[in-house]
Amino acid sequence: MAKKKAAESEEVRLKKKVSAKLVGHSNPEGDAAMRALRKRLKREQRKRRALALRKKNAGGTKPAETAAPAAG
């Protein structure tokens, strides 16, 4: 069986967790758990951006002239 895609992405869940922990937090820089959450969030963002860049580069730079076939 194929894996089921989550209703919300890992990035969205991490953003919610980070924002929830920031509310009313006196020293977020010194909190190890907060740092770990932020690191996981940044890792997910890097993965998403790298994937988008790979897809863009895989598309090539061929002009859109192939859409209109030549008459002949």
PDB file of N, CA and C in Angstrom:
ATOM      1  N   MET A   1       0.830  -1.183   0.000  1.00  0.00           N
ATOM      2  CA  MET A   1       0.000   0.000   0.000  1.00  0.00           C
ATOM      3  C   MET A   1       0.876   1.249   0.000  1.00  0.00           C
ATOM      4  N   ALA A   2       0.413   2.247  -0.658  1.00  0.00           N
ATOM      5  CA  ALA A   2       1.140   3.504  -0.721  1.00  0.00           C
ATOM      6  C   ALA A   2       0.956   4.287   0.572  1.00  0.00           C
ATOM      7  N   LYS A   3       1.934   5.125   0.841  1.00  0.00           N
ATOM      8  CA  LYS A   3       1.836   5.966   2.029  1.00  0.00           C
ATOM      9  C   LYS A   3       0.763   7.023   1.812  1.00  0.00           C
ATOM     10  N   LYS A   4       0.011   7.300   2.866  1.00  0.00           N
ATOM     11  CA  LYS A   4      -1.002   8.349   2.780  1.00  0.00           C
ATOM     12  C   LYS A   4      -0.359   9.687   3.102  1.00  0.00           C
ATOM     13  N   LYS A   5      -0.656  10.681   2.300  1.00  0.00           N
ATOM     14  CA  LYS A   5      -0.123  12.012   2.544  1.00  0.00           C
ATOM     15  C   LYS A   5      -0.876  12.643   3.717  1.00  0.00           C
ATOM     16  N   ALA A   6      -0.147  13.278   4.589  1.00  0.00           N
ATOM     17  CA  ALA A   6      -0.752  13.910   5.762  1.00  0.00           C
ATOM     18  C   ALA A   6      -1.659  15.052   5.338  1.00  0.00           C
ATOM     19  N   ALA A   7      -2.661  15.321   6.151  1.00  0.00           N
ATOM     20  CA  ALA A   7      -3.595  16.407   5.851  1.00  0.00           C
ATOM     21  C   ALA A   7      -2.873  17.745   5.832  1.00  0.00           C
ATOM     22  N   GLU A   8      -1.923  17.924   6.764  1.00  0.00           N
ATOM     23  CA  GLU A   8      -1.115  19.143   6.748  1.00  0.00           C
ATOM     24  C   GLU A   8       0.353  18.743   6.735  1.00  0.00           C
ATOM     25  N   SER A   9       1.159  19.514   6.060  1.00  0.00           N
ATOM     26  CA  SER A   9       2.564  19.156   5.899  1.00  0.00           C
ATOM     27  C   SER A   9       3.313  19.284   7.222  1.00  0.00           C
ATOM     28  N   GLU A  10       4.474  18.674   7.241  1.00  0.00           N
ATOM     29  CA  GLU A  10       5.333  18.742   8.421  1.00  0.00           C
ATOM     30  C   GLU A  10       5.714  20.194   8.713  1.00  0.00           C
ATOM     31  N   GLU A  11       5.929  20.953   7.648  1.00  0.00           N
ATOM     32  CA  GLU A  11       6.314  22.355   7.817  1.00  0.00           C
ATOM     33  C   GLU A  11       5.218  23.149   8.526  1.00  0.00           C
ATOM     34  N   VAL A  12       3.968  22.920   8.149  1.00  0.00           N
ATOM     35  CA  VAL A  12       2.843  23.641   8.756  1.00  0.00           C
ATOM     36  C   VAL A  12       2.723  23.268  10.232  1.00  0.00           C
ATOM     37  N   ARG A  13       2.854  21.975  10.518  1.00  0.00           N
ATOM     38  CA  ARG A  13       2.762  21.539  11.922  1.00  0.00           C
ATOM     39  C   ARG A  13       3.869  22.156  12.763  1.00  0.00           C
ATOM     40  N   LEU A  14       5.086  22.197  12.220  1.00  0.00           N
ATOM     41  CA  LEU A  14       6.198  22.778  12.966  1.00  0.00           C
ATOM     42  C   LEU A  14       6.006  24.271  13.188  1.00  0.00           C
ATOM     43  N   LYS A  15       5.475  24.967  12.170  1.00  0.00           N
ATOM     44  CA  LYS A  15       5.206  26.398  12.332  1.00  0.00           C
ATOM     45  C   LYS A  15       4.213  26.632  13.461  1.00  0.00           C
ATOM     46  N   LYS A  16       3.187  25.795  13.531  1.00  0.00           N
ATOM     47  CA  LYS A  16       2.184  25.930  14.598  1.00  0.00           C
ATOM     48  C   LYS A  16       2.803  25.678  15.962  1.00  0.00           C
ATOM     49  N   LYS A  17       3.655  24.654  16.045  1.00  0.00           N
ATOM     50  CA  LYS A  17       4.300  24.341  17.326  1.00  0.00           C
ATOM     51  C   LYS A  17       5.207  25.481  17.780  1.00  0.00           C
ATOM     52  N   VAL A  18       5.981  26.026  16.858  1.00  0.00           N
ATOM     53  CA  VAL A  18       6.904  27.121  17.195  1.00  0.00           C
ATOM     54  C   VAL A  18       6.130  28.339  17.667  1.00  0.00           C
ATOM     55  N   SER A  19       5.067  28.682  16.933  1.00  0.00           N
ATOM     56  CA  SER A  19       4.300  29.873  17.324  1.00  0.00           C
ATOM     57  C   SER A  19       3.583  29.653  18.649  1.00  0.00           C
ATOM     58  N   ALA A  20       3.135  28.418  18.921  1.00  0.00           N
ATOM     59  CA  ALA A  20       2.467  28.130  20.188  1.00  0.00           C
ATOM     60  C   ALA A  20       3.449  28.229  21.352  1.00  0.00           C
ATOM     61  N   LYS A  21       4.691  27.782  21.145  1.00  0.00           N
ATOM     62  CA  LYS A  21       5.678  27.840  22.225  1.00  0.00           C
ATOM     63  C   LYS A  21       6.172  29.266  22.460  1.00  0.00           C
ATOM     64  N   LEU A  22       6.126  30.111  21.412  1.00  0.00           N
ATOM     65  CA  LEU A  22       6.598  31.487  21.566  1.00  0.00           C
ATOM     66  C   LEU A  22       5.668  32.324  22.433  1.00  0.00           C
ATOM     67  N   VAL A  23       4.388  31.985  22.468  1.00  0.00           N
ATOM     68  CA  VAL A  23       3.406  32.776  23.211  1.00  0.00           C
ATOM     69  C   VAL A  23       3.718  32.688  24.706  1.00  0.00           C
ATOM     70  N   GLY A  24       3.976  33.818  25.287  1.00  0.00           N
ATOM     71  CA  GLY A  24       4.214  33.877  26.724  1.00  0.00           C
ATOM     72  C   GLY A  24       5.531  33.282  27.164  1.00  0.00           C
ATOM     73  N   HIS A  25       6.481  33.138  26.271  1.00  0.00           N
ATOM     74  CA  HIS A  25       7.772  32.556  26.623  1.00  0.00           C
ATOM     75  C   HIS A  25       8.724  33.670  27.008  1.00  0.00           C
ATOM     76  N   SER A  26       9.368  33.545  28.165  1.00  0.00           N
ATOM     77  CA  SER A  26      10.236  34.620  28.634  1.00  0.00           C
ATOM     78  C   SER A  26      11.592  34.630  27.929  1.00  0.00           C
ATOM     79  N   ASN A  27      12.159  33.440  27.639  1.00  0.00           N
ATOM     80  CA  ASN A  27      13.480  33.377  27.022  1.00  0.00           C
ATOM     81  C   ASN A  27      13.500  32.279  25.957  1.00  0.00           C
ATOM     82  N   PRO A  28      12.989  32.571  24.764  1.00  0.00           N
ATOM     83  CA  PRO A  28      12.954  31.530  23.735  1.00  0.00           C
ATOM     84  C   PRO A  28      14.336  31.146  23.205  1.00  0.00           C
ATOM     85  N   GLU A  29      15.334  32.043  23.320  1.00  0.00           N
ATOM     86  CA  GLU A  29      16.672  31.731  22.816  1.00  0.00           C
ATOM     87  C   GLU A  29      17.354  30.673  23.663  1.00  0.00           C
ATOM     88  N   GLY A  30      17.036  30.625  24.948  1.00  0.00           N
ATOM     89  CA  GLY A  30      17.694  29.682  25.843  1.00  0.00           C
ATOM     90  C   GLY A  30      17.003  28.339  25.932  1.00  0.00           C
ATOM     91  N   ASP A  31      15.893  28.168  25.265  1.00  0.00           N
ATOM     92  CA  ASP A  31      15.115  26.930  25.348  1.00  0.00           C
ATOM     93  C   ASP A  31      15.613  25.931  24.308  1.00  0.00           C
ATOM     94  N   ALA A  32      16.118  24.787  24.773  1.00  0.00           N
ATOM     95  CA  ALA A  32      16.662  23.780  23.865  1.00  0.00           C
ATOM     96  C   ALA A  32      15.574  23.150  22.998  1.00  0.00           C
ATOM     97  N   ALA A  33      14.397  22.953  23.565  1.00  0.00           N
ATOM     98  CA  ALA A  33      13.303  22.361  22.793  1.00  0.00           C
ATOM     99  C   ALA A  33      12.868  23.294  21.672  1.00  0.00           C
ATOM    100  N   MET A  34      12.838  24.596  21.976  1.00  0.00           N
ATOM    101  CA  MET A  34      12.464  25.586  20.965  1.00  0.00           C
ATOM    102  C   MET A  34      13.500  25.605  19.847  1.00  0.00           C
ATOM    103  N   ARG A  35      14.753  25.519  20.221  1.00  0.00           N
ATOM    104  CA  ARG A  35      15.831  25.500  19.217  1.00  0.00           C
ATOM    105  C   ARG A  35      15.702  24.276  18.311  1.00  0.00           C
ATOM    106  N   ALA A  36      15.388  23.138  18.895  1.00  0.00           N
ATOM    107  CA  ALA A  36      15.237  21.914  18.107  1.00  0.00           C
ATOM    108  C   ALA A  36      14.060  22.029  17.140  1.00  0.00           C
ATOM    109  N   LEU A  37      12.960  22.621  17.614  1.00  0.00           N
ATOM    110  CA  LEU A  37      11.800  22.816  16.737  1.00  0.00           C
ATOM    111  C   LEU A  37      12.143  23.735  15.571  1.00  0.00           C
ATOM    112  N   ARG A  38      12.850  24.806  15.873  1.00  0.00           N
ATOM    113  CA  ARG A  38      13.223  25.749  14.815  1.00  0.00           C
ATOM    114  C   ARG A  38      14.155  25.095  13.796  1.00  0.00           C
ATOM    115  N   LYS A  39      15.077  24.261  14.295  1.00  0.00           N
ATOM    116  CA  LYS A  39      15.999  23.577  13.397  1.00  0.00           C
ATOM    117  C   LYS A  39      15.242  22.622  12.482  1.00  0.00           C
ATOM    118  N   ARG A  40      14.272  21.915  13.041  1.00  0.00           N
ATOM    119  CA  ARG A  40      13.469  21.001  12.218  1.00  0.00           C
ATOM    120  C   ARG A  40      12.668  21.770  11.172  1.00  0.00           C
ATOM    121  N   LEU A  41      12.125  22.925  11.581  1.00  0.00           N
ATOM    122  CA  LEU A  41      11.361  23.758  10.650  1.00  0.00           C
ATOM    123  C   LEU A  41      12.250  24.241   9.509  1.00  0.00           C
ATOM    124  N   LYS A  42      13.439  24.725   9.846  1.00  0.00           N
ATOM    125  CA  LYS A  42      14.356  25.214   8.815  1.00  0.00           C
ATOM    126  C   LYS A  42      14.767  24.081   7.872  1.00  0.00           C
ATOM    127  N   ARG A  43      14.947  22.874   8.396  1.00  0.00           N
ATOM    128  CA  ARG A  43      15.316  21.731   7.569  1.00  0.00           C
ATOM    129  C   ARG A  43      14.210  21.420   6.565  1.00  0.00           C
ATOM    130  N   GLU A  44      12.970  21.447   7.026  1.00  0.00           N
ATOM    131  CA  GLU A  44      11.830  21.195   6.131  1.00  0.00           C
ATOM    132  C   GLU A  44      11.738  22.269   5.050  1.00  0.00           C
ATOM    133  N   GLN A  45      11.984  23.528   5.431  1.00  0.00           N
ATOM    134  CA  GLN A  45      11.935  24.614   4.462  1.00  0.00           C
ATOM    135  C   GLN A  45      13.030  24.456   3.404  1.00  0.00           C
ATOM    136  N   ARG A  46      14.226  24.040   3.844  1.00  0.00           N
ATOM    137  CA  ARG A  46      15.319  23.811   2.899  1.00  0.00           C
ATOM    138  C   ARG A  46      14.970  22.690   1.930  1.00  0.00           C
ATOM    139  N   LYS A  47      14.363  21.619   2.456  1.00  0.00           N
ATOM    140  CA  LYS A  47      13.964  20.497   1.596  1.00  0.00           C
ATOM    141  C   LYS A  47      12.969  20.947   0.537  1.00  0.00           C
ATOM    142  N   ARG A  48      11.969  21.739   0.948  1.00  0.00           N
ATOM    143  CA  ARG A  48      10.948  22.209   0.021  1.00  0.00           C
ATOM    144  C   ARG A  48      11.558  23.099  -1.060  1.00  0.00           C
ATOM    145  N   ARG A  49      12.432  24.009  -0.643  1.00  0.00           N
ATOM    146  CA  ARG A  49      13.056  24.922  -1.608  1.00  0.00           C
ATOM    147  C   ARG A  49      13.979  24.174  -2.562  1.00  0.00           C
ATOM    148  N   ALA A  50      14.722  23.197  -2.048  1.00  0.00           N
ATOM    149  CA  ALA A  50      15.624  22.421  -2.898  1.00  0.00           C
ATOM    150  C   ALA A  50      14.834  21.619  -3.923  1.00  0.00           C
ATOM    151  N   LEU A  51      13.711  21.051  -3.513  1.00  0.00           N
ATOM    152  CA  LEU A  51      12.879  20.290  -4.427  1.00  0.00           C
ATOM    153  C   LEU A  51      12.320  21.179  -5.530  1.00  0.00           C
ATOM    154  N   ALA A  52      11.863  22.370  -5.159  1.00  0.00           N
ATOM    155  CA  ALA A  52      11.331  23.304  -6.145  1.00  0.00           C
ATOM    156  C   ALA A  52      12.419  23.705  -7.146  1.00  0.00           C
ATOM    157  N   LEU A  53      13.621  23.917  -6.651  1.00  0.00           N
ATOM    158  CA  LEU A  53      14.723  24.302  -7.525  1.00  0.00           C
ATOM    159  C   LEU A  53      15.100  23.162  -8.461  1.00  0.00           C
ATOM    160  N   ARG A  54      15.123  21.922  -7.938  1.00  0.00           N
ATOM    161  CA  ARG A  54      15.435  20.765  -8.784  1.00  0.00           C
ATOM    162  C   ARG A  54      14.403  20.603  -9.889  1.00  0.00           C
ATOM    163  N   LYS A  55      13.122  20.775  -9.533  1.00  0.00           N
ATOM    164  CA  LYS A  55      12.061  20.656 -10.540  1.00  0.00           C
ATOM    165  C   LYS A  55      12.197  21.742 -11.604  1.00  0.00           C
ATOM    166  N   LYS A  56      12.533  22.951 -11.169  1.00  0.00           N
ATOM    167  CA  LYS A  56      12.685  24.066 -12.106  1.00  0.00           C
ATOM    168  C   LYS A  56      13.846  23.801 -13.058  1.00  0.00           C
ATOM    169  N   ASN A  57      14.960  23.326 -12.524  1.00  0.00           N
ATOM    170  CA  ASN A  57      16.130  23.066 -13.354  1.00  0.00           C
ATOM    171  C   ASN A  57      15.926  21.857 -14.260  1.00  0.00           C
ATOM    172  N   ALA A  58      15.129  20.906 -13.840  1.00  0.00           N
ATOM    173  CA  ALA A  58      14.879  19.718 -14.645  1.00  0.00           C
ATOM    174  C   ALA A  58      13.999  20.047 -15.841  1.00  0.00           C
ATOM    175  N   GLY A  59      13.249  21.135 -15.748  1.00  0.00           N
ATOM    176  CA  GLY A  59      12.368  21.527 -16.838  1.00  0.00           C
ATOM    177  C   GLY A  59      13.127  21.974 -18.074  1.00  0.00           C
ATOM    178  N   GLY A  60      14.336  22.429 -17.905  1.00  0.00           N
ATOM    179  CA  GLY A  60      15.134  22.881 -19.034  1.00  0.00           C
ATOM    180  C   GLY A  60      14.819  24.317 -19.410  1.00  0.00           C
ATOM    181  N   THR A  61      15.531  24.782 -20.446  1.00  0.00           N
ATOM    182  CA  THR A  61      15.353  26.168 -20.884  1.00  0.00           C
ATOM    183  C   THR A  61      14.914  26.221 -22.338  1.00  0.00           C
ATOM    184  N   LYS A  62      14.247  25.189 -22.792  1.00  0.00           N
ATOM    185  CA  LYS A  62      13.801  25.135 -24.186  1.00  0.00           C
ATOM    186  C   LYS A  62      12.700  26.172 -24.416  1.00  0.00           C
ATOM    187  N   PRO A  63      12.779  26.910 -25.525  1.00  0.00           N
ATOM    188  CA  PRO A  63      11.735  27.924 -25.786  1.00  0.00           C
ATOM    189  C   PRO A  63      10.394  27.269 -26.082  1.00  0.00           C
ATOM    190  N   ALA A  64       9.332  28.042 -25.991  1.00  0.00           N
ATOM    191  CA  ALA A  64       7.981  27.539 -26.157  1.00  0.00           C
ATOM    192  C   ALA A  64       7.556  27.464 -27.610  1.00  0.00           C
ATOM    193  N   GLU A  65       8.489  27.403 -28.556  1.00  0.00           N
ATOM    194  CA  GLU A  65       8.170  27.346 -29.973  1.00  0.00           C
ATOM    195  C   GLU A  65       7.593  25.988 -30.370  1.00  0.00           C
ATOM    196  N   THR A  66       7.822  24.972 -29.597  1.00  0.00           N
ATOM    197  CA  THR A  66       7.356  23.630 -29.953  1.00  0.00           C
ATOM    198  C   THR A  66       5.849  23.509 -29.815  1.00  0.00           C
ATOM    199  N   ALA A  67       5.211  24.450 -29.172  1.00  0.00           N
ATOM    200  CA  ALA A  67       3.759  24.401 -28.984  1.00  0.00           C
ATOM    201  C   ALA A  67       3.024  24.613 -30.304  1.00  0.00           C
ATOM    202  N   ALA A  68       3.581  25.419 -31.190  1.00  0.00           N
ATOM    203  CA  ALA A  68       2.942  25.686 -32.499  1.00  0.00           C
ATOM    204  C   ALA A  68       3.694  24.919 -33.582  1.00  0.00           C
ATOM    205  N   PRO A  69       3.109  23.831 -34.119  1.00  0.00           N
ATOM    206  CA  PRO A  69       3.792  23.051 -35.155  1.00  0.00           C
ATOM    207  C   PRO A  69       3.883  23.843 -36.463  1.00  0.00           C
ATOM    208  N   ALA A  70       4.957  23.612 -37.178  1.00  0.00           N
ATOM    209  CA  ALA A  70       5.185  24.331 -38.439  1.00  0.00           C
ATOM    210  C   ALA A  70       4.273  23.784 -39.534  1.00  0.00           C
ATOM    211  N   ALA A  71       3.743  24.664 -40.348  1.00  0.00           N
ATOM    212  CA  ALA A  71       2.861  24.248 -41.450  1.00  0.00           C
ATOM    213  C   ALA A  71       3.722  23.738 -42.592  1.00  0.00           C
ATOM    214  N   GLY A  72       3.357  22.621 -43.154  1.00  0.00           N
ATOM    215  CA  GLY A  72       4.163  22.180 -44.265  1.00  0.00           C
ATOM    216  C   GLY A  72       3.848  20.846 -44.690  1.00  0.00           C
TER     217      GLY A  72
END
